[in-house]
Protein backbone atom coordinates (compact mmCIF):
# COMPACT_ATOMS: atom_id res chain seq x y z
CA UNK A 1 -53.42 -48.81 66.62
CA UNK A 2 -51.95 -50.76 63.76
CA UNK A 3 -51.74 -54.53 63.90
CA UNK A 4 -47.95 -54.29 64.10
CA UNK A 5 -48.12 -52.42 67.42
CA UNK A 6 -48.89 -55.42 69.65
CA UNK A 7 -46.35 -57.56 67.77
CA UNK A 8 -43.78 -54.80 68.18
CA UNK A 9 -44.19 -54.77 71.96
CA UNK A 10 -44.35 -58.58 72.04
CA UNK A 11 -40.85 -58.74 70.51
CA UNK A 12 -39.60 -56.58 73.39
CA UNK A 13 -41.32 -58.83 75.93
CA UNK A 14 -39.80 -61.92 74.34
CA UNK A 15 -36.33 -60.38 74.51
CA UNK A 16 -36.75 -59.38 78.15
CA UNK A 17 -38.04 -62.87 78.97
CA UNK A 18 -34.70 -64.24 77.72
CA UNK A 19 -32.54 -61.61 79.46
CA UNK A 20 -34.11 -61.46 82.91
CA UNK A 21 -34.79 -63.99 85.62
CA UNK A 22 -38.42 -65.18 85.68
CA UNK A 23 -38.95 -63.26 88.93
CA UNK A 24 -37.61 -59.99 87.47
CA UNK A 25 -39.60 -60.40 84.27
CA UNK A 26 -42.87 -61.29 86.03
CA UNK A 27 -42.51 -58.49 88.59
CA UNK A 28 -41.40 -55.55 86.44
CA UNK A 29 -41.92 -56.16 82.71
CA UNK A 30 -44.81 -58.56 82.16
CA UNK A 31 -47.40 -56.36 83.97
CA UNK A 32 -46.66 -53.38 81.71
CA UNK A 33 -49.26 -52.55 79.09
CA UNK A 34 -48.22 -50.74 75.95
CA UNK A 35 -49.93 -48.33 73.60
CA UNK A 36 -48.00 -48.12 70.34
CA UNK A 37 -48.58 -45.37 67.77
CA UNK A 38 -49.55 -46.43 64.26
CA UNK A 39 -46.17 -45.41 62.83
CA UNK A 40 -44.27 -47.02 65.74
CA UNK A 41 -42.70 -43.64 66.62
CA UNK A 42 -44.12 -43.54 70.17
CA UNK A 43 -44.72 -46.17 72.81
CA UNK A 44 -46.51 -45.42 76.06
CA UNK A 45 -46.05 -48.00 78.79
CA UNK A 46 -48.60 -48.05 81.57
CA UNK A 47 -47.43 -49.02 85.05
CA UNK A 48 -49.63 -50.00 87.99
CA UNK A 49 -48.28 -47.58 90.61
CA UNK A 50 -45.76 -44.80 91.26
CA UNK A 51 -43.20 -47.12 92.90
CA UNK A 52 -43.14 -49.47 89.89
CA UNK A 53 -43.10 -46.52 87.49
CA UNK A 54 -40.00 -45.07 89.17
CA UNK A 55 -38.30 -48.48 89.30
CA UNK A 56 -39.00 -49.30 85.65
CA UNK A 57 -37.83 -45.81 84.63
CA UNK A 58 -34.58 -46.18 86.60
CA UNK A 59 -33.78 -49.81 85.87
CA UNK A 60 -35.24 -50.58 82.46
CA UNK A 61 -36.21 -47.48 80.45
CA UNK A 62 -32.92 -47.10 78.59
CA UNK A 63 -32.93 -50.82 77.69
CA UNK A 64 -36.55 -50.60 76.56
CA UNK A 65 -35.78 -47.52 74.42
CA UNK A 66 -32.81 -49.25 72.80
CA UNK A 67 -34.88 -52.34 72.06
CA UNK A 68 -37.75 -50.34 70.58
CA UNK A 69 -35.41 -48.45 68.27
CA UNK A 70 -33.64 -51.64 67.23
CA UNK A 71 -36.91 -53.39 66.36
CA UNK A 72 -38.46 -50.38 64.57
CA UNK A 73 -35.34 -49.13 62.81
CA UNK A 74 -36.15 -45.55 63.83
CA UNK A 75 -36.12 -43.35 66.93
CA UNK A 76 -38.99 -44.17 69.27
CA UNK A 77 -40.31 -41.84 71.96
CA UNK A 78 -40.86 -43.82 75.16
CA UNK A 79 -43.31 -42.56 77.75
CA UNK A 80 -44.01 -44.15 81.11
CA UNK A 81 -47.36 -43.36 82.68
CA UNK A 82 -49.51 -44.53 85.54
CA UNK A 83 -52.21 -46.90 84.37
CA UNK A 84 -55.69 -45.40 84.61
CA UNK A 85 -57.53 -46.61 87.67
CA UNK A 86 -60.26 -49.09 86.85
CA UNK A 87 -63.64 -47.92 88.01
CA UNK A 88 -65.63 -50.51 89.97
């Protein structure tokens, strides 16, 4: 991953932090982890469970996609996926 990937996602987080209530941000957006492709053309967001994945997809995915494209200046493929389970 390029060094711009984390900064790219951080800009989205900062924007959401300003747009949403602290409760909404901390519940739905902050826990997401992002994997950003080197050329910023694809972002995979990992969500903790199926319920949150469905909620984020329904409530926030179009806003996230718009933000990603605005910040990158190009189309960005957004994928939502369940976070891999941590092995004990």
